[in-house]
Amino acid sequence: MGSDDLTQLTLGVDRDSEVLADVLDENDPAVTRIISTLVPRAQAPGRPVGLCGQRPSDDPASAAFLVHLGTDSISVAPDSFAAVKQHVAAAEERR
């Protein structure tokens, strides 16, 4: 699942709604809490967990958050790959 899809489902907001655009926030605490809960629960029986979407592509703190949780893979937009790779490497060193 992508971070934007998870955000829409969690917040009940359509990303195409101009009326609710200001409510759609991938950094909303509810979204972060769900990711924090889902990653370890999914990994417990040995399943790998990955996340794709715009959030880790645009937000270095998001990539670091996913590394901190032990997320197995992060899929990002091609134009942000090099920067995200650097952010992930730095976060892994701090881990």
Protein backbone atom coordinates (compact mmCIF):
# COMPACT_ATOMS: atom_id res chain seq x y z
CA MET A 1 0.00 0.00 0.00
CA GLY A 2 1.13 3.52 -0.64
CA SER A 3 1.46 6.18 2.01
CA ASP A 4 -1.11 8.34 0.25
CA ASP A 5 -3.66 5.49 0.11
CA LEU A 6 -3.10 4.70 3.76
CA THR A 7 -3.55 8.37 4.63
CA GLN A 8 -6.82 8.60 2.69
CA LEU A 9 -8.20 5.48 4.38
CA THR A 10 -7.08 6.54 7.83
CA LEU A 11 -8.38 10.10 7.62
CA GLY A 12 -11.40 9.37 5.44
CA VAL A 13 -10.36 12.01 2.94
CA ASP A 14 -10.31 11.80 -0.86
CA ARG A 15 -7.05 13.18 -2.22
CA ASP A 16 -8.95 14.69 -5.14
CA SER A 17 -11.26 16.74 -2.93
CA GLU A 18 -10.41 20.43 -3.07
CA VAL A 19 -12.70 21.03 -0.10
CA LEU A 20 -10.72 18.66 2.15
CA ALA A 21 -7.24 19.13 0.69
CA ASP A 22 -5.98 20.90 3.81
CA VAL A 23 -7.00 17.90 5.95
CA LEU A 24 -5.04 15.33 3.92
CA ASP A 25 -1.76 15.19 5.83
CA GLU A 26 0.53 12.16 5.61
CA ASN A 27 2.22 13.33 8.82
CA ASP A 28 -1.03 13.24 10.78
CA PRO A 29 -0.48 11.45 14.11
CA ALA A 30 -3.17 8.89 13.25
CA VAL A 31 -1.29 7.87 10.11
CA THR A 32 2.02 7.67 11.95
CA ARG A 33 0.44 5.61 14.73
CA ILE A 34 -1.05 3.13 12.26
CA ILE A 35 2.29 2.67 10.52
CA SER A 36 4.01 2.24 13.89
CA THR A 37 1.49 -0.46 14.80
CA LEU A 38 1.34 -2.26 11.46
CA VAL A 39 5.04 -2.68 10.74
CA PRO A 40 6.00 -4.76 13.79
CA ARG A 41 2.73 -6.73 13.76
CA ALA A 42 3.16 -7.68 10.12
CA GLN A 43 6.82 -8.58 10.63
CA ALA A 44 6.19 -10.71 13.73
CA PRO A 45 5.21 -13.82 11.72
CA GLY A 46 8.11 -13.21 9.34
CA ARG A 47 6.44 -11.12 6.66
CA PRO A 48 8.51 -8.40 5.00
CA VAL A 49 6.98 -4.93 5.13
CA GLY A 50 7.46 -2.21 2.56
CA LEU A 51 5.92 1.18 1.98
CA CYS A 52 5.73 3.23 -1.15
CA GLY A 53 4.36 6.64 -1.83
CA GLN A 54 5.18 10.26 -1.93
CA ARG A 55 5.77 10.74 1.79
CA PRO A 56 9.15 9.00 2.01
CA SER A 57 10.15 10.57 -1.31
CA ASP A 58 9.52 14.11 -0.10
CA ASP A 59 10.21 13.93 3.61
CA PRO A 60 13.61 12.83 4.96
CA ALA A 61 12.13 12.49 8.44
CA SER A 62 9.59 10.02 7.08
CA ALA A 63 12.32 7.86 5.57
CA ALA A 64 14.20 7.94 8.89
CA PHE A 65 10.98 7.01 10.73
CA LEU A 66 10.51 3.98 8.48
CA VAL A 67 14.12 2.91 9.05
CA HIS A 68 13.67 3.30 12.80
CA LEU A 69 10.65 0.99 12.64
CA GLY A 70 12.67 -1.61 10.74
CA THR A 71 10.67 -1.37 7.53
CA ASP A 72 12.13 -3.82 5.02
CA SER A 73 11.77 -1.67 1.91
CA ILE A 74 10.84 1.83 0.87
CA SER A 75 9.76 2.52 -2.68
CA VAL A 76 10.24 6.10 -3.83
CA ALA A 77 9.88 8.22 -6.93
CA PRO A 78 12.88 7.90 -9.30
CA ASP A 79 13.72 11.59 -9.09
CA SER A 80 14.13 11.36 -5.30
CA PHE A 81 15.97 8.03 -5.14
CA ALA A 82 19.48 9.40 -4.58
CA ALA A 83 18.42 11.79 -1.81
CA VAL A 84 16.27 9.17 -0.07
CA LYS A 85 19.09 6.65 -0.27
CA GLN A 86 21.35 9.11 1.57
CA HIS A 87 18.66 9.77 4.21
CA VAL A 88 18.13 6.04 4.72
CA ALA A 89 21.88 5.39 5.02
CA ALA A 90 22.21 8.14 7.62
CA ALA A 91 19.24 6.80 9.57
CA GLU A 92 20.64 3.27 9.48
CA GLU A 93 23.93 4.54 10.93
CA ARG A 94 22.05 6.16 13.83
CA ARG A 95 19.98 3.02 14.44
